[in-house]
Amino acid sequence: MTVLLVAHGTRVTAGQEQIRALARRVGREHDVRLAYVDVQVPHVRDVAARLAGPAVVVPLLLTNGHHVRVDIAGAVDGADAVVAPALGADGALVGALVDRLAAAGPADAVVLAAAGSSDGRSRAEVSAVAAALPVPAVVAYAASATPSVPEAVRALRAAGARRVVVLAYLLADGRFHRALHRAGGDVVTPPLADHPVVVDRVLCLAGAQPLRRLP
């Protein structure tokens, strides 16, 4: 059984290596292929077209937005493959965020900073993650949805927050993560790709049979 890992893609070298390192870890236990939906090659549709047998497609994405439901699903349509849910579905990565939050130190306010999506279901998933955190967190986005992270930070400052932690709900270093450092917070947490909870989640999805197709 082949495991096809599908990441978004980034031009940032550090982010590229974080995703490759995650793929190498999964590759210790599975026959792994790595593909992308944007920016980098090979594209998922090209890798899917060359699959020789059944495959589990694991999106290296945090929510079940457009890339999972449309881009990845469309790219593997017709192949002997089933698409797993996004990594963060059902709050699976809350533990990793809690660890990042603890490492960031005390905070007067927390912004849960996600990539953003025009898909309301994706935004609802992010809101559910924020609600599951042990402290109140304002949801904000790097793109495609509001409020933006800088807007959220400014509002918290205006309300009296002195130390604002920007809790990055992003998998790898890239344009969005780097923009968080210009959003006005006091601390920006690292991306999640190297956290053990994320590795375990990918391994779980890669080995789970049977998997349910997304509605």
N, C-alpha and C. Protein backbone atom coordinates (compact mmCIF):
# COMPACT_ATOMS: atom_id res chain seq x y z
N MET A 1 0.85 -1.20 0.00
CA MET A 1 0.00 0.00 0.00
C MET A 1 0.88 1.25 0.00
N THR A 2 0.71 2.08 -1.01
CA THR A 2 1.46 3.32 -1.09
C THR A 2 0.78 4.40 -0.27
N VAL A 3 1.57 5.23 0.39
CA VAL A 3 1.07 6.40 1.09
C VAL A 3 1.52 7.63 0.31
N LEU A 4 0.56 8.36 -0.20
CA LEU A 4 0.84 9.59 -0.95
C LEU A 4 0.60 10.78 -0.03
N LEU A 5 1.68 11.42 0.40
CA LEU A 5 1.59 12.61 1.23
C LEU A 5 1.50 13.83 0.32
N VAL A 6 0.54 14.70 0.59
CA VAL A 6 0.32 15.86 -0.28
C VAL A 6 0.39 17.13 0.55
N ALA A 7 1.44 17.92 0.32
CA ALA A 7 1.62 19.19 1.02
C ALA A 7 1.19 20.34 0.12
N HIS A 8 1.07 21.52 0.72
CA HIS A 8 0.73 22.69 -0.08
C HIS A 8 1.87 23.08 -1.00
N GLY A 9 3.06 23.19 -0.44
CA GLY A 9 4.22 23.67 -1.17
C GLY A 9 4.59 25.08 -0.74
N THR A 10 5.89 25.37 -0.75
CA THR A 10 6.38 26.68 -0.35
C THR A 10 7.69 26.96 -1.06
N ARG A 11 8.01 28.24 -1.21
CA ARG A 11 9.29 28.64 -1.77
C ARG A 11 10.36 28.81 -0.69
N VAL A 12 9.96 28.71 0.57
CA VAL A 12 10.88 28.89 1.68
C VAL A 12 11.62 27.57 1.93
N THR A 13 12.95 27.62 1.84
CA THR A 13 13.76 26.40 1.93
C THR A 13 13.55 25.67 3.24
N ALA A 14 13.47 26.41 4.34
CA ALA A 14 13.28 25.76 5.64
C ALA A 14 11.98 24.99 5.68
N GLY A 15 10.92 25.56 5.13
CA GLY A 15 9.64 24.88 5.10
C GLY A 15 9.67 23.64 4.22
N GLN A 16 10.36 23.73 3.10
CA GLN A 16 10.50 22.56 2.23
C GLN A 16 11.17 21.41 2.98
N GLU A 17 12.21 21.72 3.72
CA GLU A 17 12.93 20.68 4.45
C GLU A 17 12.09 20.11 5.60
N GLN A 18 11.28 20.95 6.25
CA GLN A 18 10.41 20.44 7.31
C GLN A 18 9.44 19.40 6.77
N ILE A 19 8.89 19.64 5.60
CA ILE A 19 7.95 18.69 5.00
C ILE A 19 8.68 17.43 4.55
N ARG A 20 9.85 17.59 3.96
CA ARG A 20 10.62 16.40 3.55
C ARG A 20 11.01 15.56 4.76
N ALA A 21 11.37 16.22 5.87
CA ALA A 21 11.73 15.48 7.09
C ALA A 21 10.54 14.69 7.61
N LEU A 22 9.36 15.29 7.55
CA LEU A 22 8.15 14.58 7.97
C LEU A 22 7.90 13.38 7.07
N ALA A 23 8.09 13.57 5.77
CA ALA A 23 7.91 12.46 4.83
C ALA A 23 8.92 11.35 5.07
N ARG A 24 10.15 11.72 5.41
CA ARG A 24 11.16 10.69 5.69
C ARG A 24 10.77 9.88 6.92
N ARG A 25 10.22 10.56 7.93
CA ARG A 25 9.82 9.84 9.15
C ARG A 25 8.71 8.83 8.83
N VAL A 26 7.74 9.24 8.04
CA VAL A 26 6.66 8.33 7.65
C VAL A 26 7.20 7.22 6.77
N GLY A 27 8.21 7.56 5.95
CA GLY A 27 8.80 6.58 5.04
C GLY A 27 9.54 5.45 5.73
N ARG A 28 9.82 5.60 7.02
CA ARG A 28 10.43 4.49 7.76
C ARG A 28 9.47 3.33 7.95
N GLU A 29 8.17 3.63 7.84
CA GLU A 29 7.17 2.60 8.10
C GLU A 29 6.25 2.33 6.91
N HIS A 30 6.32 3.17 5.87
CA HIS A 30 5.42 3.02 4.73
C HIS A 30 6.17 3.33 3.43
N ASP A 31 5.61 2.82 2.35
CA ASP A 31 6.08 3.18 1.02
C ASP A 31 5.50 4.55 0.68
N VAL A 32 6.31 5.60 0.71
CA VAL A 32 5.82 6.97 0.66
C VAL A 32 6.17 7.65 -0.65
N ARG A 33 5.20 8.41 -1.15
CA ARG A 33 5.42 9.37 -2.24
C ARG A 33 5.04 10.74 -1.69
N LEU A 34 5.74 11.78 -2.13
CA LEU A 34 5.45 13.14 -1.69
C LEU A 34 5.09 13.99 -2.89
N ALA A 35 3.98 14.72 -2.78
CA ALA A 35 3.52 15.58 -3.87
C ALA A 35 2.97 16.87 -3.27
N TYR A 36 2.61 17.80 -4.18
CA TYR A 36 2.19 19.14 -3.75
C TYR A 36 0.96 19.58 -4.54
N VAL A 37 0.20 20.52 -3.95
CA VAL A 37 -0.93 21.09 -4.67
C VAL A 37 -0.59 22.44 -5.29
N ASP A 38 0.51 23.05 -4.88
CA ASP A 38 0.86 24.37 -5.40
C ASP A 38 2.36 24.61 -5.17
N VAL A 39 2.90 25.52 -5.93
CA VAL A 39 4.26 26.06 -5.77
C VAL A 39 5.36 25.07 -6.14
N GLN A 40 5.36 23.88 -5.55
CA GLN A 40 6.43 22.91 -5.78
C GLN A 40 5.96 21.77 -6.69
N VAL A 41 6.91 21.04 -7.19
CA VAL A 41 6.65 19.84 -7.98
C VAL A 41 7.30 18.66 -7.26
N PRO A 42 6.78 17.43 -7.54
CA PRO A 42 5.72 17.09 -8.49
C PRO A 42 4.33 17.43 -7.97
N HIS A 43 3.44 17.76 -8.89
CA HIS A 43 2.06 18.04 -8.53
C HIS A 43 1.35 16.73 -8.22
N VAL A 44 0.38 16.79 -7.32
CA VAL A 44 -0.33 15.60 -6.90
C VAL A 44 -0.97 14.86 -8.06
N ARG A 45 -1.49 15.58 -9.06
CA ARG A 45 -2.15 14.87 -10.16
C ARG A 45 -1.15 14.04 -10.95
N ASP A 46 0.10 14.51 -11.07
CA ASP A 46 1.11 13.77 -11.83
C ASP A 46 1.55 12.52 -11.08
N VAL A 47 1.70 12.64 -9.76
CA VAL A 47 2.09 11.47 -8.96
C VAL A 47 0.94 10.47 -8.92
N ALA A 48 -0.29 10.96 -8.76
CA ALA A 48 -1.44 10.07 -8.71
C ALA A 48 -1.59 9.28 -10.01
N ALA A 49 -1.27 9.92 -11.12
CA ALA A 49 -1.41 9.24 -12.41
C ALA A 49 -0.42 8.09 -12.56
N ARG A 50 0.65 8.10 -11.78
CA ARG A 50 1.67 7.05 -11.88
C ARG A 50 1.55 5.98 -10.81
N LEU A 51 0.53 6.09 -9.95
CA LEU A 51 0.36 5.08 -8.91
C LEU A 51 0.08 3.72 -9.53
N ALA A 52 0.81 2.71 -9.07
CA ALA A 52 0.68 1.38 -9.67
C ALA A 52 -0.31 0.49 -8.92
N GLY A 53 -0.75 0.92 -7.76
CA GLY A 53 -1.66 0.10 -6.97
C GLY A 53 -2.44 0.95 -6.00
N PRO A 54 -3.10 0.33 -5.04
CA PRO A 54 -3.91 1.09 -4.09
C PRO A 54 -3.05 2.04 -3.26
N ALA A 55 -3.65 3.16 -2.87
CA ALA A 55 -2.92 4.17 -2.11
C ALA A 55 -3.83 4.84 -1.10
N VAL A 56 -3.21 5.28 -0.01
CA VAL A 56 -3.86 6.18 0.94
C VAL A 56 -3.26 7.55 0.72
N VAL A 57 -4.10 8.54 0.48
CA VAL A 57 -3.64 9.90 0.25
C VAL A 57 -3.83 10.67 1.55
N VAL A 58 -2.73 11.16 2.12
CA VAL A 58 -2.78 11.89 3.39
C VAL A 58 -2.43 13.35 3.12
N PRO A 59 -3.41 14.25 3.22
CA PRO A 59 -3.11 15.67 3.02
C PRO A 59 -2.28 16.20 4.19
N LEU A 60 -1.14 16.79 3.87
CA LEU A 60 -0.34 17.47 4.89
C LEU A 60 -0.86 18.90 5.00
N LEU A 61 -2.12 18.99 5.36
CA LEU A 61 -2.85 20.24 5.51
C LEU A 61 -3.65 20.14 6.80
N LEU A 62 -3.98 21.29 7.39
CA LEU A 62 -4.55 21.27 8.72
C LEU A 62 -6.07 21.26 8.75
N THR A 63 -6.72 21.72 7.69
CA THR A 63 -8.18 21.72 7.65
C THR A 63 -8.68 21.14 6.34
N ASN A 64 -9.94 20.75 6.35
CA ASN A 64 -10.55 20.16 5.16
C ASN A 64 -11.15 21.25 4.27
N GLY A 65 -10.28 22.11 3.76
CA GLY A 65 -10.71 23.20 2.90
C GLY A 65 -10.65 22.83 1.42
N HIS A 66 -10.57 23.86 0.58
CA HIS A 66 -10.63 23.69 -0.87
C HIS A 66 -9.55 22.73 -1.38
N HIS A 67 -8.34 22.85 -0.85
CA HIS A 67 -7.25 22.01 -1.35
C HIS A 67 -7.54 20.53 -1.13
N VAL A 68 -8.14 20.20 0.02
CA VAL A 68 -8.44 18.79 0.29
C VAL A 68 -9.67 18.32 -0.49
N ARG A 69 -10.74 19.10 -0.41
CA ARG A 69 -12.02 18.66 -0.97
C ARG A 69 -12.08 18.75 -2.48
N VAL A 70 -11.32 19.69 -3.05
CA VAL A 70 -11.40 19.91 -4.50
C VAL A 70 -10.10 19.54 -5.20
N ASP A 71 -9.00 20.18 -4.81
CA ASP A 71 -7.74 19.97 -5.54
C ASP A 71 -7.23 18.55 -5.40
N ILE A 72 -7.11 18.07 -4.18
CA ILE A 72 -6.57 16.72 -3.98
C ILE A 72 -7.57 15.67 -4.42
N ALA A 73 -8.83 15.83 -4.03
CA ALA A 73 -9.85 14.85 -4.43
C ALA A 73 -9.95 14.75 -5.94
N GLY A 74 -9.89 15.88 -6.63
CA GLY A 74 -9.96 15.87 -8.09
C GLY A 74 -8.73 15.25 -8.72
N ALA A 75 -7.57 15.50 -8.12
CA ALA A 75 -6.32 14.99 -8.69
C ALA A 75 -6.23 13.48 -8.63
N VAL A 76 -6.83 12.87 -7.61
CA VAL A 76 -6.74 11.41 -7.48
C VAL A 76 -7.99 10.70 -7.95
N ASP A 77 -8.95 11.45 -8.46
CA ASP A 77 -10.18 10.84 -8.96
C ASP A 77 -9.86 9.85 -10.08
N GLY A 78 -10.35 8.67 -9.96
CA GLY A 78 -10.06 7.64 -10.95
C GLY A 78 -8.94 6.71 -10.54
N ALA A 79 -8.12 7.13 -9.58
CA ALA A 79 -7.07 6.26 -9.08
C ALA A 79 -7.63 5.34 -7.99
N ASP A 80 -6.91 4.27 -7.73
CA ASP A 80 -7.30 3.35 -6.65
C ASP A 80 -6.78 3.93 -5.34
N ALA A 81 -7.43 5.00 -4.90
CA ALA A 81 -6.93 5.73 -3.74
C ALA A 81 -8.08 6.28 -2.93
N VAL A 82 -7.86 6.40 -1.64
CA VAL A 82 -8.81 7.02 -0.75
C VAL A 82 -8.11 8.17 -0.05
N VAL A 83 -8.82 9.29 0.11
CA VAL A 83 -8.23 10.48 0.70
C VAL A 83 -8.57 10.54 2.19
N ALA A 84 -7.54 10.62 3.01
CA ALA A 84 -7.73 10.76 4.45
C ALA A 84 -8.14 12.18 4.79
N PRO A 85 -8.67 12.40 5.97
CA PRO A 85 -8.98 13.77 6.39
C PRO A 85 -7.71 14.59 6.59
N ALA A 86 -7.88 15.89 6.67
CA ALA A 86 -6.77 16.77 6.99
C ALA A 86 -6.22 16.44 8.37
N LEU A 87 -4.98 16.83 8.60
CA LEU A 87 -4.30 16.45 9.85
C LEU A 87 -5.00 16.98 11.09
N GLY A 88 -5.58 18.18 10.99
CA GLY A 88 -6.17 18.79 12.17
C GLY A 88 -7.63 18.47 12.39
N ALA A 89 -8.20 17.62 11.56
CA ALA A 89 -9.62 17.29 11.69
C ALA A 89 -9.91 16.73 13.08
N ASP A 90 -11.08 17.09 13.61
CA ASP A 90 -11.53 16.60 14.92
C ASP A 90 -10.60 16.99 16.07
N GLY A 91 -9.87 18.11 15.89
CA GLY A 91 -9.02 18.59 16.97
C GLY A 91 -7.82 17.73 17.25
N ALA A 92 -7.37 16.95 16.27
CA ALA A 92 -6.30 15.97 16.50
C ALA A 92 -4.98 16.60 16.92
N LEU A 93 -4.76 17.87 16.59
CA LEU A 93 -3.47 18.49 16.86
C LEU A 93 -3.51 19.48 18.02
N VAL A 94 -4.60 19.48 18.78
CA VAL A 94 -4.69 20.42 19.91
C VAL A 94 -3.55 20.22 20.89
N GLY A 95 -3.16 18.97 21.13
CA GLY A 95 -2.06 18.69 22.05
C GLY A 95 -0.77 19.35 21.62
N ALA A 96 -0.51 19.37 20.32
CA ALA A 96 0.70 20.02 19.82
C ALA A 96 0.64 21.52 20.06
N LEU A 97 -0.53 22.12 19.86
CA LEU A 97 -0.68 23.55 20.11
C LEU A 97 -0.53 23.88 21.59
N VAL A 98 -1.05 23.03 22.45
CA VAL A 98 -0.91 23.24 23.89
C VAL A 98 0.57 23.24 24.29
N ASP A 99 1.34 22.34 23.72
CA ASP A 99 2.78 22.31 24.00
C ASP A 99 3.46 23.58 23.51
N ARG A 100 3.11 24.03 22.33
CA ARG A 100 3.70 25.26 21.78
C ARG A 100 3.33 26.45 22.67
N LEU A 101 2.10 26.47 23.13
CA LEU A 101 1.64 27.56 23.98
C LEU A 101 2.40 27.57 25.31
N ALA A 102 2.61 26.40 25.89
CA ALA A 102 3.35 26.32 27.15
C ALA A 102 4.78 26.81 26.97
N ALA A 103 5.39 26.46 25.85
CA ALA A 103 6.77 26.88 25.60
C ALA A 103 6.88 28.39 25.37
N ALA A 104 5.80 29.01 24.95
CA ALA A 104 5.82 30.45 24.66
C ALA A 104 5.82 31.30 25.91
N GLY A 105 5.44 30.73 27.03
CA GLY A 105 5.44 31.48 28.28
C GLY A 105 4.13 32.19 28.53
N PRO A 106 4.05 32.94 29.63
CA PRO A 106 2.79 33.60 30.01
C PRO A 106 2.30 34.56 28.93
N ALA A 107 0.99 34.65 28.81
CA ALA A 107 0.39 35.54 27.81
C ALA A 107 -0.83 36.24 28.39
N ASP A 108 -0.98 37.51 28.06
CA ASP A 108 -2.22 38.22 28.38
C ASP A 108 -3.31 37.87 27.38
N ALA A 109 -2.90 37.50 26.17
CA ALA A 109 -3.86 37.17 25.11
C ALA A 109 -3.19 36.24 24.11
N VAL A 110 -4.01 35.42 23.45
CA VAL A 110 -3.52 34.45 22.47
C VAL A 110 -4.30 34.63 21.18
N VAL A 111 -3.57 34.65 20.07
CA VAL A 111 -4.17 34.65 18.75
C VAL A 111 -3.85 33.32 18.09
N LEU A 112 -4.87 32.54 17.76
CA LEU A 112 -4.66 31.31 16.99
C LEU A 112 -4.62 31.71 15.52
N ALA A 113 -3.44 31.64 14.93
CA ALA A 113 -3.22 32.15 13.59
C ALA A 113 -3.21 31.01 12.58
N ALA A 114 -4.23 30.95 11.75
CA ALA A 114 -4.36 29.92 10.72
C ALA A 114 -4.11 30.52 9.34
N ALA A 115 -3.94 29.65 8.36
CA ALA A 115 -3.66 30.13 7.01
C ALA A 115 -4.83 30.91 6.44
N GLY A 116 -6.04 30.42 6.66
CA GLY A 116 -7.23 31.06 6.11
C GLY A 116 -7.79 30.29 4.95
N SER A 117 -9.09 30.41 4.75
CA SER A 117 -9.78 29.69 3.68
C SER A 117 -11.10 30.37 3.38
N SER A 118 -11.51 30.30 2.13
CA SER A 118 -12.84 30.79 1.76
C SER A 118 -13.93 29.76 2.09
N ASP A 119 -13.53 28.56 2.47
CA ASP A 119 -14.45 27.47 2.80
C ASP A 119 -14.89 27.60 4.26
N GLY A 120 -16.17 27.82 4.47
CA GLY A 120 -16.68 27.98 5.82
C GLY A 120 -16.46 26.78 6.70
N ARG A 121 -16.44 25.58 6.12
CA ARG A 121 -16.20 24.38 6.92
C ARG A 121 -14.79 24.38 7.48
N SER A 122 -13.85 24.87 6.68
CA SER A 122 -12.47 24.97 7.14
C SER A 122 -12.36 25.95 8.29
N ARG A 123 -13.01 27.10 8.17
CA ARG A 123 -12.96 28.09 9.24
C ARG A 123 -13.63 27.57 10.51
N ALA A 124 -14.69 26.79 10.34
CA ALA A 124 -15.36 26.21 11.51
C ALA A 124 -14.43 25.24 12.23
N GLU A 125 -13.62 24.51 11.50
CA GLU A 125 -12.67 23.60 12.11
C GLU A 125 -11.65 24.37 12.94
N VAL A 126 -11.18 25.51 12.42
CA VAL A 126 -10.22 26.32 13.16
C VAL A 126 -10.86 26.86 14.44
N SER A 127 -12.09 27.31 14.33
CA SER A 127 -12.79 27.81 15.52
C SER A 127 -12.95 26.72 16.58
N ALA A 128 -13.21 25.50 16.13
CA ALA A 128 -13.34 24.38 17.08
C ALA A 128 -12.01 24.10 17.78
N VAL A 129 -10.91 24.24 17.06
CA VAL A 129 -9.60 24.06 17.67
C VAL A 129 -9.36 25.13 18.72
N ALA A 130 -9.69 26.38 18.39
CA ALA A 130 -9.53 27.47 19.36
C ALA A 130 -10.34 27.21 20.62
N ALA A 131 -11.55 26.71 20.45
CA ALA A 131 -12.42 26.44 21.60
C ALA A 131 -11.88 25.31 22.47
N ALA A 132 -11.07 24.43 21.88
CA ALA A 132 -10.53 23.29 22.64
C ALA A 132 -9.26 23.63 23.40
N LEU A 133 -8.69 24.80 23.15
CA LEU A 133 -7.47 25.19 23.86
C LEU A 133 -7.78 25.49 25.32
N PRO A 134 -6.79 25.36 26.20
CA PRO A 134 -7.04 25.57 27.63
C PRO A 134 -7.14 27.03 28.04
N VAL A 135 -6.89 27.94 27.11
CA VAL A 135 -7.01 29.38 27.39
C VAL A 135 -7.83 30.01 26.27
N PRO A 136 -8.48 31.14 26.52
CA PRO A 136 -9.20 31.81 25.43
C PRO A 136 -8.24 32.21 24.31
N ALA A 137 -8.69 32.04 23.09
CA ALA A 137 -7.87 32.39 21.93
C ALA A 137 -8.74 33.04 20.87
N VAL A 138 -8.24 34.11 20.30
CA VAL A 138 -8.90 34.79 19.19
C VAL A 138 -8.42 34.16 17.89
N VAL A 139 -9.33 33.76 17.03
CA VAL A 139 -8.96 33.18 15.75
C VAL A 139 -8.70 34.30 14.75
N ALA A 140 -7.59 34.20 14.03
CA ALA A 140 -7.28 35.16 12.98
C ALA A 140 -6.56 34.41 11.86
N TYR A 141 -6.44 35.09 10.71
CA TYR A 141 -5.97 34.41 9.51
C TYR A 141 -4.87 35.19 8.80
N ALA A 142 -4.02 34.43 8.13
CA ALA A 142 -2.96 35.03 7.33
C ALA A 142 -3.47 35.50 5.97
N ALA A 143 -4.55 34.91 5.49
CA ALA A 143 -5.10 35.27 4.17
C ALA A 143 -6.50 34.69 4.04
N SER A 144 -7.26 35.22 3.08
CA SER A 144 -8.53 34.63 2.62
C SER A 144 -9.68 34.67 3.61
N ALA A 145 -9.47 35.24 4.79
CA ALA A 145 -10.54 35.33 5.79
C ALA A 145 -10.19 36.43 6.78
N THR A 146 -11.18 36.86 7.53
CA THR A 146 -10.97 37.91 8.51
C THR A 146 -11.38 37.42 9.90
N PRO A 147 -10.82 38.03 10.96
CA PRO A 147 -9.85 39.13 10.91
C PRO A 147 -8.46 38.63 10.53
N SER A 148 -7.64 39.55 10.03
CA SER A 148 -6.24 39.21 9.80
C SER A 148 -5.53 39.13 11.14
N VAL A 149 -4.37 38.53 11.15
CA VAL A 149 -3.61 38.42 12.40
C VAL A 149 -3.22 39.81 12.93
N PRO A 150 -2.70 40.72 12.09
CA PRO A 150 -2.40 42.06 12.61
C PRO A 150 -3.63 42.77 13.18
N GLU A 151 -4.79 42.59 12.55
CA GLU A 151 -6.01 43.20 13.08
C GLU A 151 -6.35 42.64 14.46
N ALA A 152 -6.21 41.34 14.61
CA ALA A 152 -6.53 40.72 15.90
C ALA A 152 -5.57 41.20 16.98
N VAL A 153 -4.29 41.30 16.64
CA VAL A 153 -3.31 41.76 17.63
C VAL A 153 -3.60 43.20 18.04
N ARG A 154 -3.90 44.05 17.06
CA ARG A 154 -4.20 45.45 17.38
C ARG A 154 -5.41 45.56 18.29
N ALA A 155 -6.43 44.76 18.02
CA ALA A 155 -7.63 44.81 18.87
C ALA A 155 -7.32 44.36 20.29
N LEU A 156 -6.49 43.36 20.44
CA LEU A 156 -6.12 42.90 21.78
C LEU A 156 -5.29 43.94 22.51
N ARG A 157 -4.39 44.60 21.80
CA ARG A 157 -3.61 45.68 22.41
C ARG A 157 -4.54 46.81 22.87
N ALA A 158 -5.49 47.14 22.02
CA ALA A 158 -6.42 48.22 22.38
C ALA A 158 -7.25 47.86 23.61
N ALA A 159 -7.45 46.56 23.82
CA ALA A 159 -8.22 46.09 24.98
C ALA A 159 -7.34 45.95 26.23
N GLY A 160 -6.04 46.23 26.09
CA GLY A 160 -5.16 46.23 27.25
C GLY A 160 -4.17 45.09 27.34
N ALA A 161 -4.14 44.19 26.37
CA ALA A 161 -3.20 43.07 26.42
C ALA A 161 -1.78 43.58 26.24
N ARG A 162 -0.88 43.16 27.12
CA ARG A 162 0.50 43.60 27.05
C ARG A 162 1.40 42.56 26.38
N ARG A 163 1.15 41.29 26.64
CA ARG A 163 1.98 40.24 26.02
C ARG A 163 1.06 39.32 25.22
N VAL A 164 1.17 39.43 23.91
CA VAL A 164 0.31 38.68 23.00
C VAL A 164 1.12 37.56 22.35
N VAL A 165 0.65 36.34 22.49
CA VAL A 165 1.28 35.19 21.84
C VAL A 165 0.50 34.86 20.58
N VAL A 166 1.20 34.81 19.47
CA VAL A 166 0.62 34.37 18.20
C VAL A 166 0.91 32.88 18.07
N LEU A 167 -0.12 32.09 18.23
CA LEU A 167 -0.01 30.63 18.22
C LEU A 167 -0.22 30.16 16.78
N ALA A 168 0.85 29.76 16.15
CA ALA A 168 0.82 29.45 14.72
C ALA A 168 0.17 28.10 14.46
N TYR A 169 -0.99 28.13 13.83
CA TYR A 169 -1.65 26.89 13.40
C TYR A 169 -1.29 26.67 11.93
N LEU A 170 -0.01 26.46 11.72
CA LEU A 170 0.57 26.27 10.40
C LEU A 170 1.52 25.08 10.47
N LEU A 171 1.60 24.33 9.39
CA LEU A 171 2.40 23.11 9.43
C LEU A 171 3.88 23.38 9.24
N ALA A 172 4.23 24.29 8.33
CA ALA A 172 5.64 24.48 7.98
C ALA A 172 5.97 25.95 7.79
N ASP A 173 7.25 26.25 7.86
CA ASP A 173 7.73 27.60 7.60
C ASP A 173 7.39 27.97 6.15
N GLY A 174 7.02 29.22 5.97
CA GLY A 174 6.65 29.69 4.64
C GLY A 174 6.23 31.15 4.72
N ARG A 175 5.65 31.63 3.63
CA ARG A 175 5.26 33.03 3.56
C ARG A 175 4.32 33.41 4.69
N PHE A 176 3.35 32.56 4.97
CA PHE A 176 2.38 32.89 6.01
C PHE A 176 3.04 32.93 7.39
N HIS A 177 3.86 31.94 7.70
CA HIS A 177 4.49 31.93 9.02
C HIS A 177 5.41 33.13 9.19
N ARG A 178 6.12 33.49 8.16
CA ARG A 178 7.03 34.63 8.27
C ARG A 178 6.27 35.94 8.43
N ALA A 179 5.09 36.00 7.83
CA ALA A 179 4.27 37.20 7.99
C ALA A 179 3.80 37.38 9.43
N LEU A 180 3.66 36.28 10.16
CA LEU A 180 3.22 36.38 11.55
C LEU A 180 4.19 37.18 12.40
N HIS A 181 5.47 37.14 12.05
CA HIS A 181 6.47 37.89 12.81
C HIS A 181 6.34 39.40 12.60
N ARG A 182 5.55 39.80 11.63
CA ARG A 182 5.33 41.23 11.38
C ARG A 182 3.93 41.66 11.83
N ALA A 183 3.25 40.79 12.57
CA ALA A 183 1.86 41.05 12.94
C ALA A 183 1.71 41.83 14.24
N GLY A 184 2.82 42.04 14.96
CA GLY A 184 2.76 42.85 16.17
C GLY A 184 2.69 42.09 17.47
N GLY A 185 2.72 40.76 17.43
CA GLY A 185 2.71 39.98 18.66
C GLY A 185 4.06 39.98 19.34
N ASP A 186 4.11 39.49 20.56
CA ASP A 186 5.36 39.42 21.31
C ASP A 186 6.11 38.11 21.05
N VAL A 187 5.37 37.05 20.82
CA VAL A 187 5.95 35.73 20.55
C VAL A 187 5.17 35.10 19.41
N VAL A 188 5.88 34.48 18.48
CA VAL A 188 5.26 33.66 17.44
C VAL A 188 5.77 32.24 17.62
N THR A 189 4.86 31.29 17.78
CA THR A 189 5.29 29.92 18.00
C THR A 189 5.73 29.27 16.69
N PRO A 190 6.59 28.25 16.77
CA PRO A 190 7.07 27.57 15.56
C PRO A 190 5.95 26.81 14.85
N PRO A 191 6.15 26.53 13.57
CA PRO A 191 5.20 25.66 12.87
C PRO A 191 5.22 24.25 13.47
N LEU A 192 4.25 23.44 13.07
CA LEU A 192 3.98 22.19 13.78
C LEU A 192 4.60 20.94 13.19
N ALA A 193 5.23 21.02 12.02
CA ALA A 193 5.61 19.81 11.29
C ALA A 193 6.49 18.86 12.08
N ASP A 194 7.34 19.38 12.96
CA ASP A 194 8.27 18.50 13.66
C ASP A 194 7.75 18.03 15.02
N HIS A 195 6.51 18.38 15.36
CA HIS A 195 6.00 17.98 16.67
C HIS A 195 5.61 16.50 16.64
N PRO A 196 5.93 15.74 17.70
CA PRO A 196 5.60 14.31 17.72
C PRO A 196 4.12 14.01 17.51
N VAL A 197 3.23 14.88 17.98
CA VAL A 197 1.80 14.66 17.77
C VAL A 197 1.46 14.67 16.29
N VAL A 198 2.12 15.54 15.53
CA VAL A 198 1.88 15.61 14.09
C VAL A 198 2.39 14.35 13.41
N VAL A 199 3.60 13.95 13.77
CA VAL A 199 4.15 12.72 13.20
C VAL A 199 3.23 11.53 13.47
N ASP A 200 2.78 11.42 14.70
CA ASP A 200 1.88 10.31 15.06
C ASP A 200 0.57 10.39 14.28
N ARG A 201 0.06 11.59 14.08
CA ARG A 201 -1.19 11.76 13.35
C ARG A 201 -1.04 11.30 11.89
N VAL A 202 0.06 11.67 11.27
CA VAL A 202 0.29 11.25 9.88
C VAL A 202 0.42 9.73 9.81
N LEU A 203 1.16 9.15 10.74
CA LEU A 203 1.32 7.70 10.75
C LEU A 203 -0.02 7.00 10.98
N CYS A 204 -0.85 7.58 11.84
CA CYS A 204 -2.18 7.00 12.10
C CYS A 204 -3.02 7.02 10.83
N LEU A 205 -3.06 8.15 10.16
CA LEU A 205 -3.86 8.25 8.94
C LEU A 205 -3.30 7.37 7.83
N ALA A 206 -1.98 7.26 7.77
CA ALA A 206 -1.36 6.45 6.73
C ALA A 206 -1.66 4.97 6.91
N GLY A 207 -1.84 4.56 8.16
CA GLY A 207 -2.04 3.14 8.42
C GLY A 207 -3.46 2.74 8.69
N ALA A 208 -4.38 3.71 8.76
CA ALA A 208 -5.76 3.40 9.10
C ALA A 208 -6.51 2.84 7.90
N GLN A 209 -7.10 1.70 8.08
CA GLN A 209 -7.90 1.08 7.02
C GLN A 209 -9.18 0.49 7.65
N PRO A 210 -10.36 0.66 7.04
CA PRO A 210 -10.55 1.49 5.87
C PRO A 210 -10.73 2.96 6.26
N LEU A 211 -10.48 3.84 5.35
CA LEU A 211 -10.69 5.26 5.58
C LEU A 211 -11.99 5.70 4.94
N ARG A 212 -12.64 6.66 5.58
CA ARG A 212 -13.89 7.18 5.07
C ARG A 212 -13.62 8.28 4.05
N ARG A 213 -14.28 8.25 2.93
CA ARG A 213 -14.15 9.34 1.97
C ARG A 213 -14.84 10.59 2.51
N LEU A 214 -14.23 11.74 2.21
CA LEU A 214 -14.82 12.99 2.67
C LEU A 214 -16.13 13.24 1.95
N PRO A 215 -17.14 13.80 2.65
CA PRO A 215 -18.41 14.10 1.99
C PRO A 215 -18.24 15.27 1.02
